[in-house]
Protein backbone atom coordinates (compact mmCIF):
# COMPACT_ATOMS: atom_id res chain seq x y z
CA MET A 1 188.41 143.04 164.19
CA ASP A 2 185.28 141.25 163.06
CA VAL A 3 185.17 137.49 163.29
CA ILE A 4 183.45 135.74 160.41
CA HIS A 5 182.02 132.34 161.12
CA SER A 6 181.35 130.02 158.17
CA PHE A 7 179.55 126.68 158.04
CA THR A 8 178.24 124.30 155.42
CA LEU A 9 174.71 122.81 155.40
CA PRO A 10 174.06 119.33 154.15
CA MET A 11 172.95 119.30 150.53
CA HIS A 12 169.57 117.69 151.15
CA THR A 13 168.78 120.13 153.88
CA LEU A 14 169.61 123.08 151.68
CA TYR A 15 167.55 121.66 148.90
CA SER A 16 164.55 121.16 151.12
CA GLN A 17 164.68 124.70 152.31
CA VAL A 18 164.64 126.25 148.87
CA GLN A 19 162.28 123.74 147.12
CA ALA A 20 158.79 125.22 146.74
CA PRO A 21 155.73 123.01 147.16
CA VAL A 22 154.39 121.51 143.93
CA PRO A 23 150.79 122.59 143.24
CA PRO A 24 148.19 119.78 142.97
CA ARG A 25 147.42 118.28 139.54
CA GLY A 26 144.16 116.83 138.34
CA ASN A 27 142.20 114.89 140.95
CA GLN A 28 144.95 114.55 143.55
CA PRO A 29 143.71 113.81 147.06
CA SER A 30 143.66 116.55 149.71
CA ASP A 31 144.50 116.51 153.40
CA PRO A 32 141.80 116.63 156.08
CA GLY A 33 142.20 120.40 156.22
CA GLY A 34 141.03 120.84 152.66
CA GLY A 35 144.40 121.59 150.98
CA PRO A 36 146.36 119.39 148.65
CA LEU A 37 148.88 116.99 150.03
CA PRO A 38 152.41 118.24 149.24
CA SER A 39 155.02 116.35 147.32
CA TRP A 40 158.69 116.89 148.27
CA GLY A 41 161.33 116.65 145.59
CA ARG A 42 162.53 113.18 144.70
CA ASP A 43 160.76 111.63 147.67
CA ARG A 44 157.25 112.81 146.76
CA GLN A 45 154.51 110.11 146.65
CA THR A 46 150.95 110.43 145.46
CA ALA A 47 148.29 108.76 147.60
CA PRO A 48 146.09 106.23 145.71
CA ALA A 49 142.78 107.59 144.51
CA PRO A 50 139.75 106.36 146.48
CA PRO A 51 137.38 103.97 144.64
CA ARG A 52 134.50 105.55 142.79
CA PRO A 53 131.01 105.02 144.21
CA GLY A 54 128.98 102.23 142.58
CA ARG A 55 131.97 100.55 140.90
CA PRO A 56 133.30 97.80 143.14
CA ARG A 57 136.77 96.58 142.46
CA PRO A 58 136.91 93.24 140.64
CA GLY A 59 137.57 90.25 142.81
CA PRO A 60 139.63 87.19 141.98
CA ARG A 61 138.56 85.11 138.96
CA PRO A 62 136.64 81.96 140.02
CA GLU A 63 138.21 78.59 139.45
CA PRO A 64 136.59 76.38 136.77
CA SER A 65 134.06 73.85 138.02
CA PRO A 66 135.11 70.21 138.35
CA GLN A 67 134.52 67.78 135.52
CA GLN A 68 130.91 66.67 135.16
CA PRO A 69 129.94 63.01 134.68
CA PRO A 70 129.23 61.82 131.12
CA SER A 71 125.72 61.96 129.70
CA THR A 72 123.82 58.89 128.53
CA SER A 73 123.24 60.13 124.98
CA GLY A 74 123.23 57.42 122.33
CA GLU A 75 125.45 59.50 120.03
CA GLY A 76 128.30 59.92 122.51
CA ALA A 77 129.26 60.95 125.99
CA MET A 78 129.41 64.69 126.75
CA TYR A 79 131.67 66.22 129.38
CA LYS A 80 131.36 69.81 130.62
CA ARG A 81 134.07 71.85 132.28
CA GLY A 82 133.24 75.49 133.02
CA ASP A 83 131.57 76.98 129.95
CA ALA A 84 133.23 74.57 127.48
CA LYS A 85 131.66 71.36 126.14
CA THR A 86 133.62 68.36 124.94
CA TRP A 87 132.01 65.49 122.98
CA ASN A 88 133.39 62.00 123.27
CA ILE A 89 131.93 59.88 120.45
CA VAL A 90 131.56 56.18 121.24
CA ASN A 91 131.37 53.73 118.33
CA ASP A 92 129.00 50.78 118.77
CA PHE A 93 128.78 47.71 116.53
CA THR A 94 125.45 46.70 114.96
CA GLU A 95 123.60 44.18 117.08
CA ASN A 96 120.04 44.28 115.65
CA ILE A 97 118.68 44.47 112.11
CA VAL A 98 115.03 44.55 110.99
CA LEU A 99 113.37 44.35 107.57
CA LYS A 100 110.24 46.52 107.17
CA VAL A 101 107.71 46.86 104.34
CA ASP A 102 105.90 50.03 103.27
CA PRO A 103 102.98 49.98 102.87
CA LYS A 104 102.19 47.45 105.55
CA ASP A 105 99.91 44.47 104.93
CA PRO A 106 98.00 43.90 102.85
CA VAL A 107 100.30 44.23 99.86
CA VAL A 108 98.15 44.27 96.74
CA GLU A 109 99.08 43.47 93.16
CA GLY A 110 99.98 46.47 91.02
CA SER A 111 101.21 48.67 93.86
CA ASN A 112 104.73 49.88 94.68
CA VAL A 113 106.38 48.30 97.72
CA THR A 114 109.41 49.68 99.54
CA LEU A 115 111.70 47.40 101.54
CA MET A 116 113.46 49.17 104.42
CA CYS A 117 116.43 47.72 106.29
CA VAL A 118 116.86 49.25 109.76
CA ALA A 119 119.98 48.54 111.85
CA ASP A 120 121.31 49.97 115.09
CA GLY A 121 124.90 50.97 115.80
CA ASN A 122 126.81 54.21 116.23
CA PRO A 123 127.27 55.38 113.57
CA PRO A 124 124.44 53.39 111.89
CA PRO A 125 125.22 51.36 108.73
CA THR A 126 124.62 53.08 105.40
CA SER A 127 124.98 50.24 102.85
CA PHE A 128 122.91 47.06 102.61
CA ASN A 129 122.24 43.95 100.54
CA PHE A 130 118.66 43.09 99.54
CA ASP A 131 117.92 39.47 98.63
CA LEU A 132 114.87 39.50 96.34
CA LYS A 133 113.96 35.83 96.28
CA GLY A 134 117.50 34.86 95.25
CA GLU A 135 118.36 38.02 93.31
CA LEU A 136 120.97 40.05 95.23
CA VAL A 137 120.81 43.86 95.00
CA LYS A 138 123.42 46.07 96.69
CA VAL A 139 122.41 49.54 97.90
CA LYS A 140 124.94 52.21 98.95
CA ASN A 141 124.24 55.28 101.07
CA ALA A 142 120.61 54.19 101.49
CA ASN A 143 118.61 51.59 103.39
CA THR A 144 115.62 51.16 101.05
CA TYR A 145 114.74 49.36 97.84
CA THR A 146 111.44 49.82 95.95
CA ILE A 147 109.66 47.16 93.90
CA THR A 148 107.40 48.87 91.34
CA ASN A 149 104.15 47.35 90.07
CA ILE A 150 104.49 44.30 92.28
CA SER A 151 102.80 41.12 91.07
CA ARG A 152 101.65 37.83 92.52
CA ASN A 153 104.87 36.26 91.29
CA ASN A 154 106.77 38.48 93.76
CA SER A 155 105.28 36.68 96.77
CA GLY A 156 107.91 34.90 98.86
CA GLU A 157 110.79 35.39 101.30
CA TYR A 158 112.88 38.56 101.26
CA LYS A 159 116.11 39.31 103.12
CA CYS A 160 118.34 42.25 103.90
CA SER A 161 121.85 42.24 105.39
CA LEU A 162 124.80 44.51 106.11
CA ALA A 163 127.02 45.12 103.09
CA ASP A 164 130.18 44.58 105.16
CA ASN A 165 128.72 41.72 107.26
CA PRO A 166 126.28 39.54 105.27
CA SER A 167 125.80 37.20 108.25
CA MET A 168 123.91 40.01 110.01
CA GLU A 169 120.54 39.69 108.20
CA ALA A 170 116.76 39.94 108.62
CA THR A 171 114.01 38.07 106.74
CA MET A 172 110.33 38.61 105.98
CA ASN A 173 107.67 36.76 104.00
CA ILE A 174 105.62 38.95 101.65
CA THR A 175 102.27 37.85 100.27
CA VAL A 176 100.97 39.81 97.28
CA ASN A 177 97.16 39.84 97.34
CA PHE A 178 95.39 39.53 93.99
CA LEU A 179 91.82 39.07 92.75
CA ASP A 180 90.62 38.21 89.25
CA ILE A 181 87.08 37.37 88.13
CA LYS A 182 85.58 36.22 84.82
CA LEU A 183 81.86 36.17 84.13
CA TYR A 184 81.08 34.09 81.05
CA LEU A 185 78.05 36.05 79.79
CA ASN A 186 77.52 38.80 77.28
CA LYS A 187 76.55 42.27 78.42
CA THR A 188 73.06 41.59 77.06
CA VAL A 189 71.54 38.13 77.41
CA ILE A 190 68.26 37.16 75.67
CA ARG A 191 66.44 34.03 76.80
CA ARG A 192 63.08 32.44 76.17
CA ALA A 193 60.62 32.07 79.01
CA GLY A 194 61.14 28.70 80.63
CA GLY A 195 64.74 28.60 79.37
CA SER A 196 68.02 28.58 81.33
CA LEU A 197 70.73 31.16 81.96
CA ASN A 198 73.84 28.96 82.11
CA LEU A 199 75.59 31.26 84.57
CA SER A 200 79.38 30.65 84.81
CA LEU A 201 81.80 32.54 86.99
CA ASP A 202 85.55 32.02 87.59
CA ILE A 203 87.37 33.61 90.54
CA ASP A 204 91.16 33.56 90.97
CA SER A 205 92.33 35.07 94.26
CA SER A 206 95.04 34.81 96.92
CA ALA A 207 92.40 34.24 99.65
CA LYS A 208 88.71 33.39 99.91
CA PRO A 209 86.62 36.32 98.56
CA THR A 210 83.08 37.52 99.25
CA VAL A 211 80.53 37.36 96.41
CA SER A 212 77.33 39.41 96.25
CA TRP A 213 74.66 40.15 93.64
CA THR A 214 72.21 42.94 93.02
CA LYS A 215 69.20 43.19 90.65
CA GLY A 216 68.14 46.68 89.69
CA GLY A 217 70.29 48.05 92.56
CA VAL A 218 68.63 45.84 95.18
CA LYS A 219 70.76 43.31 97.00
CA MET A 220 69.91 39.65 96.41
CA ASN A 221 70.22 36.87 98.95
CA LYS A 222 71.33 34.33 96.36
CA GLU A 223 72.64 34.00 92.83
CA PRO A 224 70.38 34.84 89.86
CA LYS A 225 67.97 32.12 88.81
CA SER A 226 69.52 29.97 86.12
CA THR A 227 66.70 27.62 85.11
CA GLU A 228 63.01 27.95 84.16
CA LEU A 229 63.27 31.67 83.57
CA ALA A 230 60.15 33.81 83.88
CA TYR A 231 59.31 37.33 82.73
CA SER A 232 59.90 38.53 86.27
CA ASP A 233 63.51 37.37 86.07
CA ALA A 234 64.35 39.99 83.45
CA GLY A 235 66.46 42.94 84.61
CA PHE A 236 69.94 44.35 85.19
CA TYR A 237 72.22 42.12 87.30
CA GLU A 238 75.50 43.19 88.87
CA LEU A 239 78.14 41.02 90.53
CA GLU A 240 80.61 42.32 93.15
CA VAL A 241 83.54 40.28 94.47
CA THR A 242 85.64 41.67 97.35
CA MET A 243 88.75 40.49 99.17
CA GLY A 244 90.27 42.93 101.65
CA PRO A 245 90.92 46.19 99.82
CA LEU A 246 90.42 44.54 96.40
CA ARG A 247 87.09 44.85 94.63
CA ARG A 248 85.93 43.50 91.24
CA LYS A 249 82.62 43.93 89.43
CA ALA A 250 80.78 42.40 86.46
CA SER A 251 77.26 42.83 85.12
CA PHE A 252 74.76 41.74 82.45
CA HIS A 253 71.26 42.65 81.26
CA LEU A 254 68.79 39.75 81.02
CA ILE A 255 65.88 39.95 78.62
CA VAL A 256 63.20 37.26 78.82
CA GLU A 257 61.02 36.83 75.72
CA GLY A 258 57.87 34.85 75.17
CA ASN A 259 57.07 32.28 72.50
CA VAL A 260 56.26 33.75 69.08
């Protein structure tokens, strides 16, 4: 009589005996012997791929730098943290105001003169009052006022102030330079020998001028002879009066005749 022995293997053992190795896929790593590393059923694990040459793994991200001290810019204080910039605008009240004139001295009659009011502050003021010898002119979104064809009557004290704070003002005295001359002679003057010229000249100016004469284009050291005229006194006379940039001229032609 044959005896039959039976036994039961654990399930995981049986499974491991009949499970065939899984062939390698893609770029799976291999064992030192050159073959692929096996994976076993549910418990298989794939080894991590080695890093590629020339491509280092990224490290931890650096922490942002500490807050920098504020700058000394007049428009505001700037703070920097990392790659970001933050502006902190500081408002300052106006402390100084100045009145300027363009062009600068001397101001001559007939020219255009621009008054400019300059004030500090952050932001700077944009509206001003101009006091034109008692006449008040308000200017918005500008700091200038132009006087066209200025005359001697415009000489005097000028002021400018803040539109929202009239007590903050600046003053300046403006003198308009002028020069007028009048020669009381005809363009052609005929006199008898031994007679007189009766030369008369009026000068109206804002300051003392310089007077010079020429005869026939040659500069004279004194005024033309006015009494006891001779034939040699005949000729073309020209007067030039100057005061700073101002220049005025007048002329006459003197003819000396003899007795008939």
